[in-house]
């Protein structure tokens, strides 16, 4: 399992790529019982810990290890979804937009 502080730092490092997201995305870590909220409706984008019932346009559920890999660019969002490592609830369009923004160099 990846350390929660490391995951949060990686998410904050990704914030510059996510300007213009315009949606709220919650990340639920299945193995850690933790949630993070990426609020793309604010400027700048805000990232922080969250309740598991926080309102979001899209909820992405995965293990902390896979979220760490996703944020580090070592796991493709599309591959994670296709192989069942990532589950999406809510708007799939928002998830696709986020995936495209994370894949940008």
C-alpha atoms as a PDB file:
ATOM      1  CA  UNK A   1       0.000   0.000   0.000  1.00  0.00           C
ATOM      2  CA  UNK A   2       1.256   3.477  -0.875  1.00  0.00           C
ATOM      3  CA  UNK A   3       1.556   6.034   1.927  1.00  0.00           C
ATOM      4  CA  UNK A   4      -1.426   8.490   2.011  1.00  0.00           C
ATOM      5  CA  UNK A   5       0.883  11.515   2.253  1.00  0.00           C
ATOM      6  CA  UNK A   6       2.783  10.365  -0.832  1.00  0.00           C
ATOM      7  CA  UNK A   7      -0.484   9.960  -2.747  1.00  0.00           C
ATOM      8  CA  UNK A   8      -1.697  13.401  -1.674  1.00  0.00           C
ATOM      9  CA  UNK A   9       1.631  14.974  -2.678  1.00  0.00           C
ATOM     10  CA  UNK A  10       1.464  13.270  -6.099  1.00  0.00           C
ATOM     11  CA  UNK A  11      -2.106  14.508  -6.595  1.00  0.00           C
ATOM     12  CA  UNK A  12      -1.058  18.049  -5.684  1.00  0.00           C
ATOM     13  CA  UNK A  13       1.855  17.811  -8.140  1.00  0.00           C
ATOM     14  CA  UNK A  14      -0.676  16.981 -10.895  1.00  0.00           C
ATOM     15  CA  UNK A  15      -2.794  20.093 -10.188  1.00  0.00           C
ATOM     16  CA  UNK A  16      -1.184  22.283 -12.905  1.00  0.00           C
ATOM     17  CA  UNK A  17      -2.281  19.748 -15.564  1.00  0.00           C
ATOM     18  CA  UNK A  18      -5.861  19.837 -14.293  1.00  0.00           C
ATOM     19  CA  UNK A  19      -6.699  23.517 -14.781  1.00  0.00           C
ATOM     20  CA  UNK A  20      -9.936  23.669 -16.670  1.00  0.00           C
ATOM     21  CA  UNK A  21     -11.248  20.295 -15.457  1.00  0.00           C
ATOM     22  CA  UNK A  22     -14.427  21.958 -14.192  1.00  0.00           C
ATOM     23  CA  UNK A  23     -15.682  18.963 -12.179  1.00  0.00           C
ATOM     24  CA  UNK A  24     -15.354  17.362  -8.755  1.00  0.00           C
ATOM     25  CA  UNK A  25     -13.747  13.892  -8.722  1.00  0.00           C
ATOM     26  CA  UNK A  26     -13.571  11.705  -5.628  1.00  0.00           C
ATOM     27  CA  UNK A  27     -10.969   8.958  -5.359  1.00  0.00           C
ATOM     28  CA  UNK A  28     -12.006   6.105  -3.045  1.00  0.00           C
ATOM     29  CA  UNK A  29      -9.142   3.879  -1.932  1.00  0.00           C
ATOM     30  CA  UNK A  30     -10.609   0.421  -1.515  1.00  0.00           C
ATOM     31  CA  UNK A  31      -7.763  -1.036   0.542  1.00  0.00           C
ATOM     32  CA  UNK A  32      -7.242   1.941   2.852  1.00  0.00           C
ATOM     33  CA  UNK A  33     -10.799   3.087   3.489  1.00  0.00           C
ATOM     34  CA  UNK A  34      -9.773   6.645   2.559  1.00  0.00           C
ATOM     35  CA  UNK A  35     -11.117   9.142   0.063  1.00  0.00           C
ATOM     36  CA  UNK A  36      -9.620  12.166  -1.648  1.00  0.00           C
ATOM     37  CA  UNK A  37     -11.493  14.938  -3.430  1.00  0.00           C
ATOM     38  CA  UNK A  38     -10.101  16.737  -6.446  1.00  0.00           C
ATOM     39  CA  UNK A  39     -12.179  19.895  -6.896  1.00  0.00           C
ATOM     40  CA  UNK A  40     -11.681  21.123 -10.438  1.00  0.00           C
ATOM     41  CA  UNK A  41     -14.434  23.730 -10.065  1.00  0.00           C
ATOM     42  CA  UNK A  42     -12.100  26.015  -8.114  1.00  0.00           C
ATOM     43  CA  UNK A  43      -9.186  28.093  -9.305  1.00  0.00           C
ATOM     44  CA  UNK A  44      -6.662  26.842  -8.450  1.00  0.00           C
ATOM     45  CA  UNK A  45      -7.778  23.222  -8.392  1.00  0.00           C
ATOM     46  CA  UNK A  46      -7.982  21.946  -4.806  1.00  0.00           C
ATOM     47  CA  UNK A  47      -6.998  18.484  -3.597  1.00  0.00           C
ATOM     48  CA  UNK A  48      -7.511  17.071  -0.130  1.00  0.00           C
ATOM     49  CA  UNK A  49      -8.856  14.271   1.997  1.00  0.00           C
ATOM     50  CA  UNK A  50     -12.588  13.722   1.891  1.00  0.00           C
ATOM     51  CA  UNK A  51     -15.485  11.805   3.366  1.00  0.00           C
ATOM     52  CA  UNK A  52     -16.557   8.744   1.398  1.00  0.00           C
ATOM     53  CA  UNK A  53     -19.960  10.373   0.850  1.00  0.00           C
ATOM     54  CA  UNK A  54     -18.702  13.753  -0.433  1.00  0.00           C
ATOM     55  CA  UNK A  55     -20.602  14.907  -3.509  1.00  0.00           C
ATOM     56  CA  UNK A  56     -18.653  14.448  -6.746  1.00  0.00           C
ATOM     57  CA  UNK A  57     -19.426  14.296 -10.457  1.00  0.00           C
ATOM     58  CA  UNK A  58     -17.370  11.122 -10.743  1.00  0.00           C
ATOM     59  CA  UNK A  59     -16.048   8.616  -8.226  1.00  0.00           C
ATOM     60  CA  UNK A  60     -12.961   6.581  -9.079  1.00  0.00           C
ATOM     61  CA  UNK A  61     -12.430   3.510  -6.903  1.00  0.00           C
ATOM     62  CA  UNK A  62      -9.085   1.702  -6.800  1.00  0.00           C
ATOM     63  CA  UNK A  63      -6.345   0.566  -4.452  1.00  0.00           C
ATOM     64  CA  UNK A  64      -3.893   3.062  -3.003  1.00  0.00           C
ATOM     65  CA  UNK A  65      -1.077   1.354  -4.910  1.00  0.00           C
ATOM     66  CA  UNK A  66      -2.868   1.842  -8.240  1.00  0.00           C
ATOM     67  CA  UNK A  67      -3.696   5.480  -7.442  1.00  0.00           C
ATOM     68  CA  UNK A  68      -0.032   6.071  -6.657  1.00  0.00           C
ATOM     69  CA  UNK A  69       0.950   4.511  -9.990  1.00  0.00           C
ATOM     70  CA  UNK A  70      -1.739   6.493 -11.812  1.00  0.00           C
ATOM     71  CA  UNK A  71      -0.539   9.806 -10.367  1.00  0.00           C
ATOM     72  CA  UNK A  72       3.102   8.933 -11.072  1.00  0.00           C
ATOM     73  CA  UNK A  73       2.276   8.201 -14.718  1.00  0.00           C
ATOM     74  CA  UNK A  74       3.182   4.515 -14.333  1.00  0.00           C
ATOM     75  CA  UNK A  75      -0.373   3.274 -14.932  1.00  0.00           C
ATOM     76  CA  UNK A  76      -2.526   4.401 -17.829  1.00  0.00           C
ATOM     77  CA  UNK A  77      -6.055   5.382 -16.715  1.00  0.00           C
ATOM     78  CA  UNK A  78      -7.517   3.605 -19.741  1.00  0.00           C
ATOM     79  CA  UNK A  79      -5.544   0.423 -19.061  1.00  0.00           C
ATOM     80  CA  UNK A  80      -6.509   0.536 -15.376  1.00  0.00           C
ATOM     81  CA  UNK A  81     -10.192   0.783 -16.319  1.00  0.00           C
ATOM     82  CA  UNK A  82      -9.959  -1.923 -18.986  1.00  0.00           C
ATOM     83  CA  UNK A  83      -8.252  -4.366 -16.600  1.00  0.00           C
ATOM     84  CA  UNK A  84     -10.606  -3.699 -13.676  1.00  0.00           C
ATOM     85  CA  UNK A  85      -8.009  -1.905 -11.555  1.00  0.00           C
ATOM     86  CA  UNK A  86     -10.166   1.238 -11.697  1.00  0.00           C
ATOM     87  CA  UNK A  87     -13.916   1.400 -11.242  1.00  0.00           C
ATOM     88  CA  UNK A  88     -15.896   4.475 -12.312  1.00  0.00           C
ATOM     89  CA  UNK A  89     -19.165   5.640 -10.804  1.00  0.00           C
ATOM     90  CA  UNK A  90     -20.994   8.680 -12.148  1.00  0.00           C
ATOM     91  CA  UNK A  91     -19.989  10.512 -15.283  1.00  0.00           C
ATOM     92  CA  UNK A  92     -17.729   8.453 -17.531  1.00  0.00           C
ATOM     93  CA  UNK A  93     -17.164  11.602 -19.599  1.00  0.00           C
ATOM     94  CA  UNK A  94     -15.557  13.361 -16.630  1.00  0.00           C
ATOM     95  CA  UNK A  95     -13.371  10.307 -16.041  1.00  0.00           C
ATOM     96  CA  UNK A  96     -12.264  10.378 -19.691  1.00  0.00           C
ATOM     97  CA  UNK A  97     -11.508  14.105 -19.502  1.00  0.00           C
ATOM     98  CA  UNK A  98      -9.437  13.572 -16.352  1.00  0.00           C
ATOM     99  CA  UNK A  99      -7.613  10.641 -17.970  1.00  0.00           C
ATOM    100  CA  UNK A 100      -6.729  12.782 -20.983  1.00  0.00           C
ATOM    101  CA  UNK A 101      -5.421  15.564 -18.757  1.00  0.00           C
ATOM    102  CA  UNK A 102      -3.303  13.177 -16.665  1.00  0.00           C
ATOM    103  CA  UNK A 103      -1.814  11.602 -19.802  1.00  0.00           C
ATOM    104  CA  UNK A 104      -0.625  14.987 -21.113  1.00  0.00           C
ATOM    105  CA  UNK A 105       3.092  15.660 -20.789  1.00  0.00           C
END
